[in-house]
Amino acid sequence: MKSIKIPRLLKDVKPPVKKLYCKGLPNKNLFKKSVAVVGSRRFTSYGKRIVEDFVPVLVDAGVTIVSGFMYGIDQLAHQICLGAGGQTVAVLGWGINWEVGEEDKKLYKKIKRQGLLLSEYPDETKPQLWMFPKRNRIVAGLSHATLIVEAAEDSGSLITANFATKFDRKLFAVPGPITSRASEGTNALIKSGQAQMATSAADILDALGWEHAATSGITPEAGGIGIISLLENEGMTVDEIAKRLSRSVEDVGVELSSFQLQNKIEEMEGKFHLLKGKI
């Protein structure tokens, strides 16, 4: 059973991390640039798209993806990172030698071969509910920034968000449809000012001062400008906008939610209108 030297990033973490057991490929550069990607266990197609869009761009910039190996956004982030040829760190909420379920073994073995598995618990320590919030402090602590992709208002990923804030790390959240329960937590983080809104991986890289080769994400060029142009003339429903732009209602709803959070548009009686003087 191997252990690693406690990374410098964890020096401010409370309660302190006294020991980290590991499996995989530890190296001194693993946490030089690291971002935690966490979110809902029951992600939507929108959340899946965000992870597929953001993570490869972060990987291309040499960023290590940190997450908690739970089903949902966590495991998706690990999978997409490995598929893009990146390095990922999975922080476990159980003993380092605890045998994972059959459905998780393939990813577990792949991370062991190509990334790093960490736990502060030795041997076959059985997972307990109280271990997961403690695990979240390590996920946030090992990362220069944390990205919350989707989170309901009671999501455990908000615990990770609070740890990131407590440790004075950058916190980002992806805005989502105001009608989606899966985005209630992320939208609240943005609205309160606790998290910066991220509509692309470039937002994260720029805020951290890290170089990147390309931008991605939900940009105005991908449809936002078209929506604004349509609303300059009249109020429209989300279905009308989607039909005019030949886009899915879900994608248009995401753009509209982003503009609402920026106070650029408002919804009245089911129709969206520009707010004068905001564009």
C-alpha atoms as a PDB file:
ATOM      1  CA  MET A   1       0.000   0.000   0.000  1.00  0.00           C
ATOM      2  CA  LYS A   2       1.740   3.132  -1.264  1.00  0.00           C
ATOM      3  CA  SER A   3       1.373   6.662   0.051  1.00  0.00           C
ATOM      4  CA  ILE A   4       2.459   9.963  -1.451  1.00  0.00           C
ATOM      5  CA  LYS A   5       3.894  13.135  -0.017  1.00  0.00           C
ATOM      6  CA  ILE A   6       1.075  15.555   0.827  1.00  0.00           C
ATOM      7  CA  PRO A   7       0.885  18.056  -2.076  1.00  0.00           C
ATOM      8  CA  ARG A   8       1.560  21.684  -1.230  1.00  0.00           C
ATOM      9  CA  LEU A   9      -1.948  22.615  -2.372  1.00  0.00           C
ATOM     10  CA  LEU A  10      -3.346  20.798   0.662  1.00  0.00           C
ATOM     11  CA  LYS A  11      -1.431  22.812   3.262  1.00  0.00           C
ATOM     12  CA  ASP A  12      -4.424  25.096   3.973  1.00  0.00           C
ATOM     13  CA  VAL A  13      -6.995  22.298   4.097  1.00  0.00           C
ATOM     14  CA  LYS A  14      -8.902  21.812   7.354  1.00  0.00           C
ATOM     15  CA  PRO A  15      -9.179  19.321   8.879  1.00  0.00           C
ATOM     16  CA  PRO A  16      -5.606  18.617   7.760  1.00  0.00           C
ATOM     17  CA  VAL A  17      -4.820  15.677   5.512  1.00  0.00           C
ATOM     18  CA  LYS A  18      -2.261  13.587   7.381  1.00  0.00           C
ATOM     19  CA  LYS A  19      -1.733  10.808   4.867  1.00  0.00           C
ATOM     20  CA  LEU A  20      -2.745   9.974   1.290  1.00  0.00           C
ATOM     21  CA  TYR A  21      -2.678   6.431   0.015  1.00  0.00           C
ATOM     22  CA  CYS A  22      -2.417   5.977  -3.714  1.00  0.00           C
ATOM     23  CA  LYS A  23      -2.617   3.694  -6.698  1.00  0.00           C
ATOM     24  CA  GLY A  24      -1.430   4.740 -10.118  1.00  0.00           C
ATOM     25  CA  LEU A  25       1.143   7.161 -11.449  1.00  0.00           C
ATOM     26  CA  PRO A  26       2.047   9.993  -9.040  1.00  0.00           C
ATOM     27  CA  ASN A  27       4.410  12.630 -10.385  1.00  0.00           C
ATOM     28  CA  LYS A  28       5.593  16.031  -9.197  1.00  0.00           C
ATOM     29  CA  ASN A  29       3.895  17.926 -12.040  1.00  0.00           C
ATOM     30  CA  LEU A  30       0.451  16.409 -11.552  1.00  0.00           C
ATOM     31  CA  PHE A  31      -0.861  19.353  -9.519  1.00  0.00           C
ATOM     32  CA  LYS A  32       1.058  22.102 -11.297  1.00  0.00           C
ATOM     33  CA  LYS A  33      -2.195  22.986 -13.074  1.00  0.00           C
ATOM     34  CA  SER A  34      -5.278  21.246 -11.713  1.00  0.00           C
ATOM     35  CA  VAL A  35      -9.012  21.876 -11.919  1.00  0.00           C
ATOM     36  CA  ALA A  36     -11.772  19.986 -10.113  1.00  0.00           C
ATOM     37  CA  VAL A  37     -14.775  19.130 -12.275  1.00  0.00           C
ATOM     38  CA  VAL A  38     -17.799  18.047 -10.232  1.00  0.00           C
ATOM     39  CA  GLY A  39     -21.561  18.101 -10.444  1.00  0.00           C
ATOM     40  CA  SER A  40     -24.801  16.195 -10.370  1.00  0.00           C
ATOM     41  CA  ARG A  41     -25.005  12.432 -10.135  1.00  0.00           C
ATOM     42  CA  ARG A  42     -28.044  12.639 -12.408  1.00  0.00           C
ATOM     43  CA  PHE A  43     -26.707  14.860 -15.148  1.00  0.00           C
ATOM     44  CA  THR A  44     -28.740  15.931 -18.157  1.00  0.00           C
ATOM     45  CA  SER A  45     -27.736  15.872 -21.817  1.00  0.00           C
ATOM     46  CA  TYR A  46     -26.753  19.511 -21.319  1.00  0.00           C
ATOM     47  CA  GLY A  47     -24.379  18.617 -18.478  1.00  0.00           C
ATOM     48  CA  LYS A  48     -22.871  15.853 -20.587  1.00  0.00           C
ATOM     49  CA  ARG A  49     -22.295  18.295 -23.431  1.00  0.00           C
ATOM     50  CA  ILE A  50     -20.556  20.746 -21.097  1.00  0.00           C
ATOM     51  CA  VAL A  51     -18.115  18.126 -19.802  1.00  0.00           C
ATOM     52  CA  GLU A  52     -17.433  16.890 -23.331  1.00  0.00           C
ATOM     53  CA  ASP A  53     -16.796  20.473 -24.409  1.00  0.00           C
ATOM     54  CA  PHE A  54     -14.795  21.869 -21.482  1.00  0.00           C
ATOM     55  CA  VAL A  55     -12.578  18.976 -20.389  1.00  0.00           C
ATOM     56  CA  PRO A  56     -10.670  18.344 -23.665  1.00  0.00           C
ATOM     57  CA  VAL A  57      -9.801  22.055 -23.877  1.00  0.00           C
ATOM     58  CA  LEU A  58      -8.477  21.992 -20.312  1.00  0.00           C
ATOM     59  CA  VAL A  59      -6.520  18.823 -21.099  1.00  0.00           C
ATOM     60  CA  ASP A  60      -5.001  20.465 -24.188  1.00  0.00           C
ATOM     61  CA  ALA A  61      -3.781  23.240 -21.886  1.00  0.00           C
ATOM     62  CA  GLY A  62      -1.994  20.699 -19.686  1.00  0.00           C
ATOM     63  CA  VAL A  63      -4.553  20.746 -16.872  1.00  0.00           C
ATOM     64  CA  THR A  64      -5.025  17.745 -14.580  1.00  0.00           C
ATOM     65  CA  ILE A  65      -8.703  16.960 -13.978  1.00  0.00           C
ATOM     66  CA  VAL A  66      -9.583  16.167 -10.354  1.00  0.00           C
ATOM     67  CA  SER A  67     -12.890  14.618  -9.303  1.00  0.00           C
ATOM     68  CA  GLY A  68     -14.488  12.232  -6.842  1.00  0.00           C
ATOM     69  CA  PHE A  69     -15.139   9.045  -8.859  1.00  0.00           C
ATOM     70  CA  MET A  70     -18.867   9.019  -8.081  1.00  0.00           C
ATOM     71  CA  TYR A  71     -21.322   8.109 -10.826  1.00  0.00           C
ATOM     72  CA  GLY A  72     -22.562  11.120 -12.748  1.00  0.00           C
ATOM     73  CA  ILE A  73     -20.480  14.167 -13.639  1.00  0.00           C
ATOM     74  CA  ASP A  74     -17.486  12.906 -11.614  1.00  0.00           C
ATOM     75  CA  GLN A  75     -16.998   9.704 -13.578  1.00  0.00           C
ATOM     76  CA  LEU A  76     -17.853  11.416 -16.857  1.00  0.00           C
ATOM     77  CA  ALA A  77     -15.101  13.992 -16.212  1.00  0.00           C
ATOM     78  CA  HIS A  78     -12.593  11.195 -15.545  1.00  0.00           C
ATOM     79  CA  GLN A  79     -13.648   9.339 -18.701  1.00  0.00           C
ATOM     80  CA  ILE A  80     -13.531  12.362 -21.012  1.00  0.00           C
ATOM     81  CA  CYS A  81     -10.156  13.402 -19.597  1.00  0.00           C
ATOM     82  CA  LEU A  82      -8.612   9.992 -20.207  1.00  0.00           C
ATOM     83  CA  GLY A  83     -10.173   9.825 -23.666  1.00  0.00           C
ATOM     84  CA  ALA A  84      -8.528  13.150 -24.503  1.00  0.00           C
ATOM     85  CA  GLY A  85      -5.143  11.830 -23.398  1.00  0.00           C
ATOM     86  CA  GLY A  86      -5.086  13.806 -20.158  1.00  0.00           C
ATOM     87  CA  GLN A  87      -4.168  13.098 -16.552  1.00  0.00           C
ATOM     88  CA  THR A  88      -6.915  12.633 -14.003  1.00  0.00           C
ATOM     89  CA  VAL A  89      -6.966  12.213 -10.227  1.00  0.00           C
ATOM     90  CA  ALA A  90      -9.809  10.366  -8.515  1.00  0.00           C
ATOM     91  CA  VAL A  91     -10.223  11.096  -4.803  1.00  0.00           C
ATOM     92  CA  LEU A  92     -12.043   8.178  -3.190  1.00  0.00           C
ATOM     93  CA  GLY A  93     -14.458   8.266  -0.271  1.00  0.00           C
ATOM     94  CA  TRP A  94     -13.399   4.826   0.975  1.00  0.00           C
ATOM     95  CA  GLY A  95     -10.266   2.782   1.625  1.00  0.00           C
ATOM     96  CA  ILE A  96      -7.678   2.633  -1.135  1.00  0.00           C
ATOM     97  CA  ASN A  97      -8.078  -1.159  -1.404  1.00  0.00           C
ATOM     98  CA  TRP A  98     -11.878  -1.276  -1.111  1.00  0.00           C
ATOM     99  CA  GLU A  99     -13.266  -3.235  -4.057  1.00  0.00           C
ATOM    100  CA  VAL A 100     -15.483  -1.057  -6.233  1.00  0.00           C
ATOM    101  CA  GLY A 101     -18.666  -2.288  -7.895  1.00  0.00           C
ATOM    102  CA  GLU A 102     -18.525  -4.266 -11.117  1.00  0.00           C
ATOM    103  CA  GLU A 103     -19.861  -1.314 -13.137  1.00  0.00           C
ATOM    104  CA  ASP A 104     -16.997   0.903 -11.917  1.00  0.00           C
ATOM    105  CA  LYS A 105     -14.088  -1.519 -12.338  1.00  0.00           C
ATOM    106  CA  LYS A 106     -13.255  -0.654 -15.954  1.00  0.00           C
ATOM    107  CA  LEU A 107     -12.839   3.066 -15.203  1.00  0.00           C
ATOM    108  CA  TYR A 108     -11.063   2.312 -11.912  1.00  0.00           C
ATOM    109  CA  LYS A 109      -8.460   0.172 -13.695  1.00  0.00           C
ATOM    110  CA  LYS A 110      -8.016   2.746 -16.451  1.00  0.00           C
ATOM    111  CA  ILE A 111      -7.352   5.536 -13.941  1.00  0.00           C
ATOM    112  CA  LYS A 112      -4.919   3.244 -12.117  1.00  0.00           C
ATOM    113  CA  ARG A 113      -3.020   2.718 -15.406  1.00  0.00           C
ATOM    114  CA  GLN A 114      -3.155   6.283 -16.720  1.00  0.00           C
ATOM    115  CA  GLY A 115      -3.885   8.515 -13.744  1.00  0.00           C
ATOM    116  CA  LEU A 116      -3.958   8.487  -9.954  1.00  0.00           C
ATOM    117  CA  LEU A 117      -6.330   7.115  -7.320  1.00  0.00           C
ATOM    118  CA  LEU A 118      -6.100   8.733  -3.869  1.00  0.00           C
ATOM    119  CA  SER A 119      -7.651   8.103  -0.481  1.00  0.00           C
ATOM    120  CA  GLU A 120      -6.882   9.178   3.064  1.00  0.00           C
ATOM    121  CA  TYR A 121      -8.282   5.846   4.246  1.00  0.00           C
ATOM    122  CA  PRO A 122      -6.129   2.679   4.298  1.00  0.00           C
ATOM    123  CA  ASP A 123      -6.810  -0.858   3.206  1.00  0.00           C
ATOM    124  CA  GLU A 124     -10.438  -1.936   2.736  1.00  0.00           C
ATOM    125  CA  THR A 125     -12.010   0.829   4.836  1.00  0.00           C
ATOM    126  CA  LYS A 126     -15.732   0.619   4.132  1.00  0.00           C
ATOM    127  CA  PRO A 127     -17.371   3.787   2.744  1.00  0.00           C
ATOM    128  CA  GLN A 128     -19.494   5.731   5.236  1.00  0.00           C
ATOM    129  CA  LEU A 129     -21.719   8.732   4.511  1.00  0.00           C
ATOM    130  CA  TRP A 130     -19.555  11.095   6.588  1.00  0.00           C
ATOM    131  CA  MET A 131     -16.511  10.277   4.464  1.00  0.00           C
ATOM    132  CA  PHE A 132     -17.823  11.942   1.321  1.00  0.00           C
ATOM    133  CA  PRO A 133     -17.935  15.547   2.585  1.00  0.00           C
ATOM    134  CA  LYS A 134     -14.404  14.995   3.948  1.00  0.00           C
ATOM    135  CA  ARG A 135     -13.388  13.648   0.541  1.00  0.00           C
ATOM    136  CA  ASN A 136     -14.779  16.808  -1.080  1.00  0.00           C
ATOM    137  CA  ARG A 137     -12.362  19.003   0.870  1.00  0.00           C
ATOM    138  CA  ILE A 138      -9.486  17.093  -0.757  1.00  0.00           C
ATOM    139  CA  VAL A 139     -11.007  17.418  -4.235  1.00  0.00           C
ATOM    140  CA  ALA A 140     -11.227  21.200  -3.785  1.00  0.00           C
ATOM    141  CA  GLY A 141      -7.897  21.393  -1.982  1.00  0.00           C
ATOM    142  CA  LEU A 142      -5.942  19.630  -4.726  1.00  0.00           C
ATOM    143  CA  SER A 143      -7.283  22.050  -7.335  1.00  0.00           C
ATOM    144  CA  HIS A 144      -6.400  25.601  -8.306  1.00  0.00           C
ATOM    145  CA  ALA A 145     -10.035  26.020  -9.324  1.00  0.00           C
ATOM    146  CA  THR A 146     -13.301  24.112  -9.063  1.00  0.00           C
ATOM    147  CA  LEU A 147     -15.913  23.910 -11.819  1.00  0.00           C
ATOM    148  CA  ILE A 148     -19.487  22.989 -10.908  1.00  0.00           C
ATOM    149  CA  VAL A 149     -21.207  21.708 -14.050  1.00  0.00           C
ATOM    150  CA  GLU A 150     -24.719  20.906 -12.834  1.00  0.00           C
ATOM    151  CA  ALA A 151     -26.022  20.903  -9.275  1.00  0.00           C
ATOM    152  CA  ALA A 152     -29.467  20.820  -7.722  1.00  0.00           C
ATOM    153  CA  GLU A 153     -29.968  23.062  -4.702  1.00  0.00           C
ATOM    154  CA  ASP A 154     -29.158  20.157  -2.361  1.00  0.00           C
ATOM    155  CA  SER A 155     -26.315  18.669  -4.421  1.00  0.00           C
ATOM    156  CA  GLY A 156     -23.241  17.347  -2.641  1.00  0.00           C
ATOM    157  CA  SER A 157     -21.101  19.178  -5.186  1.00  0.00           C
ATOM    158  CA  LEU A 158     -22.080  22.417  -3.437  1.00  0.00           C
ATOM    159  CA  ILE A 159     -20.066  21.159  -0.460  1.00  0.00           C
ATOM    160  CA  THR A 160     -17.049  21.055  -2.770  1.00  0.00           C
ATOM    161  CA  ALA A 161     -17.926  24.571  -3.939  1.00  0.00           C
ATOM    162  CA  ASN A 162     -17.964  25.821  -0.348  1.00  0.00           C
ATOM    163  CA  PHE A 163     -14.595  24.222   0.356  1.00  0.00           C
ATOM    164  CA  ALA A 164     -13.132  25.915  -2.733  1.00  0.00           C
ATOM    165  CA  THR A 165     -14.374  29.258  -1.411  1.00  0.00           C
ATOM    166  CA  LYS A 166     -13.071  28.490   2.093  1.00  0.00           C
ATOM    167  CA  PHE A 167      -9.629  27.673   0.685  1.00  0.00           C
ATOM    168  CA  ASP A 168      -9.645  30.874  -1.405  1.00  0.00           C
ATOM    169  CA  ARG A 169      -9.587  28.997  -4.716  1.00  0.00           C
ATOM    170  CA  LYS A 170     -11.308  30.081  -7.894  1.00  0.00           C
ATOM    171  CA  LEU A 171     -14.868  28.800  -8.178  1.00  0.00           C
ATOM    172  CA  PHE A 172     -16.739  28.543 -11.473  1.00  0.00           C
ATOM    173  CA  ALA A 173     -20.257  27.408 -12.285  1.00  0.00           C
ATOM    174  CA  VAL A 174     -21.922  26.756 -15.617  1.00  0.00           C
ATOM    175  CA  PRO A 175     -25.298  28.497 -15.998  1.00  0.00           C
ATOM    176  CA  GLY A 176     -28.225  26.313 -16.978  1.00  0.00           C
ATOM    177  CA  PRO A 177     -31.908  26.606 -17.859  1.00  0.00           C
ATOM    178  CA  ILE A 178     -33.875  28.322 -15.106  1.00  0.00           C
ATOM    179  CA  THR A 179     -36.496  25.594 -15.478  1.00  0.00           C
ATOM    180  CA  SER A 180     -33.976  22.805 -14.827  1.00  0.00           C
ATOM    181  CA  ARG A 181     -33.698  21.440 -11.293  1.00  0.00           C
ATOM    182  CA  ALA A 182     -30.207  20.236 -12.205  1.00  0.00           C
ATOM    183  CA  SER A 183     -29.079  23.855 -12.577  1.00  0.00           C
ATOM    184  CA  GLU A 184     -30.709  25.381  -9.483  1.00  0.00           C
ATOM    185  CA  GLY A 185     -27.505  25.145  -7.468  1.00  0.00           C
ATOM    186  CA  THR A 186     -25.166  26.414 -10.178  1.00  0.00           C
ATOM    187  CA  ASN A 187     -27.416  29.338 -11.055  1.00  0.00           C
ATOM    188  CA  ALA A 188     -27.642  30.243  -7.358  1.00  0.00           C
ATOM    189  CA  LEU A 189     -23.833  30.201  -7.033  1.00  0.00           C
ATOM    190  CA  ILE A 190     -23.558  32.626  -9.936  1.00  0.00           C
ATOM    191  CA  LYS A 191     -26.421  34.846  -8.766  1.00  0.00           C
ATOM    192  CA  SER A 192     -24.973  35.172  -5.253  1.00  0.00           C
ATOM    193  CA  GLY A 193     -21.538  36.037  -6.610  1.00  0.00           C
ATOM    194  CA  GLN A 194     -19.894  33.054  -4.935  1.00  0.00           C
ATOM    195  CA  ALA A 195     -18.949  31.574  -8.321  1.00  0.00           C
ATOM    196  CA  GLN A 196     -17.849  33.122 -11.586  1.00  0.00           C
ATOM    197  CA  MET A 197     -19.966  32.179 -14.579  1.00  0.00           C
ATOM    198  CA  ALA A 198     -18.143  29.911 -17.026  1.00  0.00           C
ATOM    199  CA  THR A 199     -19.507  29.522 -20.538  1.00  0.00           C
ATOM    200  CA  SER A 200     -16.270  28.120 -21.925  1.00  0.00           C
ATOM    201  CA  ALA A 201     -13.108  26.420 -20.756  1.00  0.00           C
ATOM    202  CA  ALA A 202     -11.319  29.567 -21.895  1.00  0.00           C
ATOM    203  CA  ASP A 203     -13.047  31.482 -19.073  1.00  0.00           C
ATOM    204  CA  ILE A 204     -11.293  29.234 -16.555  1.00  0.00           C
ATOM    205  CA  LEU A 205      -7.904  29.307 -18.248  1.00  0.00           C
ATOM    206  CA  ASP A 206      -7.992  33.090 -18.621  1.00  0.00           C
ATOM    207  CA  ALA A 207      -8.983  33.657 -14.987  1.00  0.00           C
ATOM    208  CA  LEU A 208      -6.069  31.500 -13.842  1.00  0.00           C
ATOM    209  CA  GLY A 209      -3.620  33.081 -16.283  1.00  0.00           C
ATOM    210  CA  TRP A 210      -2.961  29.777 -18.035  1.00  0.00           C
ATOM    211  CA  GLU A 211      -2.244  29.591 -21.754  1.00  0.00           C
ATOM    212  CA  HIS A 212      -4.620  27.750 -24.030  1.00  0.00           C
ATOM    213  CA  ALA A 213      -4.554  26.763 -27.670  1.00  0.00           C
ATOM    214  CA  ALA A 214      -8.225  27.074 -28.494  1.00  0.00           C
ATOM    215  CA  THR A 215     -11.522  28.207 -27.056  1.00  0.00           C
ATOM    216  CA  SER A 216     -14.696  26.245 -26.755  1.00  0.00           C
ATOM    217  CA  GLY A 217     -18.011  26.309 -24.965  1.00  0.00           C
ATOM    218  CA  ILE A 218     -21.296  28.104 -25.267  1.00  0.00           C
ATOM    219  CA  THR A 219     -20.190  31.307 -26.932  1.00  0.00           C
ATOM    220  CA  PRO A 220     -22.299  34.045 -28.513  1.00  0.00           C
ATOM    221  CA  GLU A 221     -20.901  32.976 -31.860  1.00  0.00           C
ATOM    222  CA  ALA A 222     -22.520  29.592 -31.349  1.00  0.00           C
ATOM    223  CA  GLY A 223     -25.957  31.186 -31.359  1.00  0.00           C
ATOM    224  CA  GLY A 224     -26.191  33.986 -28.814  1.00  0.00           C
ATOM    225  CA  ILE A 225     -25.884  36.806 -31.338  1.00  0.00           C
ATOM    226  CA  GLY A 226     -28.626  35.204 -33.443  1.00  0.00           C
ATOM    227  CA  ILE A 227     -30.964  35.172 -30.458  1.00  0.00           C
ATOM    228  CA  ILE A 228     -30.261  38.818 -29.659  1.00  0.00           C
ATOM    229  CA  SER A 229     -30.918  39.789 -33.274  1.00  0.00           C
ATOM    230  CA  LEU A 230     -34.279  38.033 -33.234  1.00  0.00           C
ATOM    231  CA  LEU A 231     -35.349  39.675 -29.982  1.00  0.00           C
ATOM    232  CA  GLU A 232     -34.470  43.162 -31.215  1.00  0.00           C
ATOM    233  CA  ASN A 233     -37.711  43.216 -33.178  1.00  0.00           C
ATOM    234  CA  GLU A 234     -40.199  41.373 -30.986  1.00  0.00           C
ATOM    235  CA  GLY A 235     -40.666  39.125 -28.000  1.00  0.00           C
ATOM    236  CA  MET A 236     -40.550  35.421 -28.784  1.00  0.00           C
ATOM    237  CA  THR A 237     -41.056  32.090 -27.028  1.00  0.00           C
ATOM    238  CA  VAL A 238     -38.220  29.597 -26.710  1.00  0.00           C
ATOM    239  CA  ASP A 239     -39.951  27.343 -29.263  1.00  0.00           C
ATOM    240  CA  GLU A 240     -40.243  30.187 -31.768  1.00  0.00           C
ATOM    241  CA  ILE A 241     -36.565  31.091 -31.364  1.00  0.00           C
ATOM    242  CA  ALA A 242     -35.463  27.458 -31.730  1.00  0.00           C
ATOM    243  CA  LYS A 243     -37.521  27.059 -34.897  1.00  0.00           C
ATOM    244  CA  ARG A 244     -36.187  30.276 -36.459  1.00  0.00           C
ATOM    245  CA  LEU A 245     -32.564  29.340 -35.698  1.00  0.00           C
ATOM    246  CA  SER A 246     -32.971  25.609 -36.494  1.00  0.00           C
ATOM    247  CA  ARG A 247     -31.613  24.722 -33.060  1.00  0.00           C
ATOM    248  CA  SER A 248     -32.849  22.506 -30.243  1.00  0.00           C
ATOM    249  CA  VAL A 249     -35.135  23.988 -27.614  1.00  0.00           C
ATOM    250  CA  GLU A 250     -32.700  22.813 -24.920  1.00  0.00           C
ATOM    251  CA  ASP A 251     -29.721  24.653 -26.443  1.00  0.00           C
ATOM    252  CA  VAL A 252     -31.728  27.832 -26.935  1.00  0.00           C
ATOM    253  CA  GLY A 253     -32.994  27.568 -23.354  1.00  0.00           C
ATOM    254  CA  VAL A 254     -29.397  27.474 -22.109  1.00  0.00           C
ATOM    255  CA  GLU A 255     -28.523  30.640 -24.066  1.00  0.00           C
ATOM    256  CA  LEU A 256     -31.618  32.405 -22.780  1.00  0.00           C
ATOM    257  CA  SER A 257     -30.813  31.443 -19.191  1.00  0.00           C
ATOM    258  CA  SER A 258     -27.318  32.865 -19.603  1.00  0.00           C
ATOM    259  CA  PHE A 259     -28.690  36.156 -20.938  1.00  0.00           C
ATOM    260  CA  GLN A 260     -31.197  36.319 -18.067  1.00  0.00           C
ATOM    261  CA  LEU A 261     -28.415  35.867 -15.525  1.00  0.00           C
ATOM    262  CA  GLN A 262     -26.593  38.745 -17.233  1.00  0.00           C
ATOM    263  CA  ASN A 263     -29.781  40.870 -17.044  1.00  0.00           C
ATOM    264  CA  LYS A 264     -29.849  41.267 -20.820  1.00  0.00           C
ATOM    265  CA  ILE A 265     -33.313  39.798 -21.351  1.00  0.00           C
ATOM    266  CA  GLU A 266     -36.479  39.158 -19.376  1.00  0.00           C
ATOM    267  CA  GLU A 267     -39.365  36.725 -19.693  1.00  0.00           C
ATOM    268  CA  MET A 268     -42.943  37.982 -19.649  1.00  0.00           C
ATOM    269  CA  GLU A 269     -45.948  35.739 -20.234  1.00  0.00           C
ATOM    270  CA  GLY A 270     -43.812  33.049 -21.833  1.00  0.00           C
ATOM    271  CA  LYS A 271     -42.005  35.382 -24.233  1.00  0.00           C
ATOM    272  CA  PHE A 272     -38.459  36.693 -23.997  1.00  0.00           C
ATOM    273  CA  HIS A 273     -37.718  40.395 -24.515  1.00  0.00           C
ATOM    274  CA  LEU A 274     -34.544  42.476 -24.606  1.00  0.00           C
ATOM    275  CA  LEU A 275     -33.980  44.786 -21.664  1.00  0.00           C
ATOM    276  CA  LYS A 276     -33.404  48.255 -23.076  1.00  0.00           C
ATOM    277  CA  GLY A 277     -29.925  49.645 -22.620  1.00  0.00           C
ATOM    278  CA  LYS A 278     -28.451  46.248 -21.680  1.00  0.00           C
ATOM    279  CA  ILE A 279     -27.150  45.195 -25.117  1.00  0.00           C
END
